[in-house]
Amino acid sequence: MRLLFVVLIAFSAFFILFRFENTPVLVITKDERIIYTKRVEDAKFILTFVHSVEKTPVYEFYEVLADGTLYLYKTRYSSMGAGLLFQAEGSFEIKDGFFEAEIFRKFKEISLRVSHLDGHGIVFNNGKVMFKEIAQINDSLKIFCRYSLFVKFRFQ
């Protein structure tokens, strides 16, 4: 009986001090093997690359939806060249010398090849990963998100 009491107290203390949180995890695979994972605490990230013709940076802003879908909601770039968006699906404006266009597209995954140009990667609110750091030039990568349960301290 005493053991049961101790176990109940321990469980109660655990649930008072900690909580379970379903958090999106960004996953990058190469040849069906996971080569990188990162928790995306705020459910947002930016895919960045240098346009192959214009040689200017392009930023695609994504949000991870509740089902793990990647929602592309904005793109930002500095030149109007071949293959760059010239007609927005929502608002279109110029901010700090960059064109910003609202986009409303959803993806289950993003497939891409690692560029030989620097600046090809993902930016998070607390860091970044460049694709050439985790893979070789011209490797085929897939990016997707899934949710995982994490235990977090309640009083942070």
Protein backbone atom coordinates (compact mmCIF):
# COMPACT_ATOMS: atom_id res chain seq x y z
CA MET A 1 0.00 0.00 0.00
CA ARG A 2 2.84 2.35 0.83
CA LEU A 3 4.48 1.67 -2.54
CA LEU A 4 1.25 2.55 -4.33
CA PHE A 5 1.10 5.84 -2.41
CA VAL A 6 4.70 6.71 -3.37
CA VAL A 7 4.01 5.90 -7.03
CA LEU A 8 0.87 8.07 -7.02
CA ILE A 9 2.79 10.97 -5.47
CA ALA A 10 5.58 10.59 -8.05
CA PHE A 11 3.11 10.55 -10.96
CA SER A 12 1.25 13.54 -9.56
CA ALA A 13 4.48 15.49 -9.13
CA PHE A 14 5.50 14.63 -12.69
CA PHE A 15 2.23 15.90 -14.17
CA ILE A 16 2.34 19.05 -12.03
CA LEU A 17 5.90 19.88 -13.08
CA PHE A 18 5.85 18.73 -16.71
CA ARG A 19 3.52 18.86 -19.68
CA PHE A 20 3.39 17.04 -22.99
CA GLU A 21 3.64 19.19 -26.09
CA ASN A 22 3.03 18.10 -29.67
CA THR A 23 5.78 19.93 -31.59
CA PRO A 24 6.54 19.96 -35.31
CA VAL A 25 9.87 18.42 -36.30
CA LEU A 26 11.41 19.29 -39.64
CA VAL A 27 12.96 16.23 -41.30
CA ILE A 28 15.40 16.19 -44.22
CA THR A 29 16.06 12.91 -45.99
CA LYS A 30 18.49 11.79 -48.66
CA ASP A 31 17.89 8.45 -50.38
CA GLU A 32 15.10 7.68 -47.88
CA ARG A 33 17.56 8.11 -44.95
CA ILE A 34 17.09 10.85 -42.37
CA ILE A 35 20.11 13.17 -42.42
CA TYR A 36 18.76 16.06 -40.35
CA THR A 37 15.97 16.81 -37.88
CA LYS A 38 15.08 19.94 -35.94
CA ARG A 39 12.21 20.90 -33.70
CA VAL A 40 10.40 23.90 -35.11
CA GLU A 41 9.13 25.45 -31.88
CA ASP A 42 7.15 28.29 -33.51
CA ALA A 43 6.06 26.09 -36.48
CA LYS A 44 7.72 28.49 -38.97
CA PHE A 45 10.86 28.38 -41.10
CA ILE A 46 12.35 30.06 -44.16
CA LEU A 47 13.73 28.16 -47.15
CA THR A 48 16.47 30.31 -48.64
CA PHE A 49 18.37 29.99 -51.89
CA VAL A 50 20.21 32.06 -54.48
CA HIS A 51 18.40 32.33 -57.80
CA SER A 52 20.53 30.54 -60.40
CA VAL A 53 20.08 33.19 -63.09
CA GLU A 54 19.71 36.42 -61.12
CA LYS A 55 22.28 35.39 -58.44
CA THR A 56 20.14 37.14 -55.81
CA PRO A 57 18.71 35.68 -52.59
CA VAL A 58 15.16 34.33 -52.47
CA TYR A 59 13.32 33.59 -49.22
CA GLU A 60 10.26 31.37 -49.01
CA PHE A 61 8.32 31.59 -45.73
CA TYR A 62 6.61 28.42 -44.49
CA GLU A 63 4.35 27.50 -41.61
CA VAL A 64 3.80 23.93 -40.46
CA LEU A 65 0.06 23.22 -40.18
CA ALA A 66 -1.51 20.90 -37.60
CA ASP A 67 -1.46 17.93 -40.00
CA GLY A 68 2.22 18.45 -40.91
CA THR A 69 1.45 20.17 -44.22
CA LEU A 70 3.97 22.82 -45.24
CA TYR A 71 2.14 26.06 -46.00
CA LEU A 72 4.04 28.54 -48.18
CA TYR A 73 2.56 31.90 -47.29
CA LYS A 74 5.10 34.47 -48.52
CA THR A 75 8.12 34.86 -50.76
CA ARG A 76 10.71 37.63 -50.66
CA TYR A 77 13.27 38.49 -53.34
CA SER A 78 15.22 41.47 -54.66
CA SER A 79 15.01 41.24 -58.45
CA MET A 80 12.41 40.54 -61.13
CA GLY A 81 14.01 37.95 -63.34
CA ALA A 82 13.38 34.65 -65.08
CA GLY A 83 11.34 32.29 -62.97
CA LEU A 84 10.69 34.76 -60.15
CA LEU A 85 7.15 35.51 -59.08
CA PHE A 86 5.71 38.62 -60.72
CA GLN A 87 2.07 38.14 -59.77
CA ALA A 88 1.07 37.51 -56.15
CA GLU A 89 -1.86 35.43 -55.03
CA GLY A 90 -2.48 37.99 -52.27
CA SER A 91 -0.75 41.26 -51.47
CA PHE A 92 2.38 42.40 -53.27
CA GLU A 93 4.60 45.13 -51.87
CA ILE A 94 8.14 46.43 -51.69
CA LYS A 95 9.77 46.40 -48.22
CA ASP A 96 13.36 47.42 -47.52
CA GLY A 97 14.33 46.99 -51.18
CA PHE A 98 12.75 43.51 -51.46
CA PHE A 99 9.63 42.41 -53.28
CA GLU A 100 7.24 40.55 -50.95
CA ALA A 101 4.38 38.51 -52.34
CA GLU A 102 1.72 36.56 -50.48
CA ILE A 103 1.34 33.02 -51.71
CA PHE A 104 -1.17 30.40 -50.60
CA ARG A 105 0.28 26.98 -51.42
CA LYS A 106 0.45 23.73 -49.46
CA PHE A 107 2.94 20.88 -49.77
CA LYS A 108 3.27 17.51 -48.08
CA GLU A 109 6.99 17.63 -48.83
CA ILE A 110 9.53 19.70 -50.70
CA SER A 111 11.96 17.99 -53.07
CA LEU A 112 15.11 19.80 -54.13
CA ARG A 113 18.71 19.38 -55.20
CA VAL A 114 21.58 20.88 -53.24
CA SER A 115 22.89 23.91 -55.11
CA HIS A 116 26.54 24.68 -55.77
CA LEU A 117 25.72 28.29 -54.85
CA ASP A 118 26.15 29.41 -51.24
CA GLY A 119 23.06 30.46 -49.31
CA HIS A 120 20.92 27.36 -49.93
CA GLY A 121 19.35 26.22 -46.68
CA ILE A 122 16.72 26.69 -43.99
CA VAL A 123 16.55 29.48 -41.43
CA PHE A 124 14.77 28.97 -38.10
CA ASN A 125 14.04 31.46 -35.36
CA ASN A 126 16.95 29.97 -33.40
CA GLY A 127 19.49 29.00 -36.05
CA LYS A 128 19.96 27.73 -39.56
CA VAL A 129 21.18 24.77 -41.56
CA MET A 130 22.84 25.10 -44.95
CA PHE A 131 22.30 22.13 -47.25
CA LYS A 132 25.99 21.92 -48.22
CA GLU A 133 26.75 21.29 -44.51
CA ILE A 134 24.63 18.13 -44.42
CA ALA A 135 24.79 16.87 -48.03
CA GLN A 136 26.82 17.05 -51.21
CA ILE A 137 26.23 19.36 -54.18
CA ASN A 138 23.52 17.95 -56.47
CA ASP A 139 22.18 15.51 -53.85
CA SER A 140 18.42 15.06 -53.97
CA LEU A 141 16.76 15.97 -50.65
CA LYS A 142 13.21 15.76 -49.34
CA ILE A 143 11.95 18.08 -46.62
CA PHE A 144 8.81 17.39 -44.60
CA CYS A 145 7.46 17.83 -41.09
CA ARG A 146 5.94 15.48 -38.62
CA TYR A 147 4.72 16.05 -35.09
CA SER A 148 6.39 14.45 -32.10
CA LEU A 149 5.46 14.51 -28.44
CA PHE A 150 7.96 16.24 -26.16
CA VAL A 151 7.99 16.61 -22.39
CA LYS A 152 8.48 20.21 -21.29
CA PHE A 153 8.97 21.76 -17.89
CA ARG A 154 5.85 23.82 -17.06
CA PHE A 155 7.62 26.68 -15.27
CA GLN A 156 10.04 28.14 -17.82
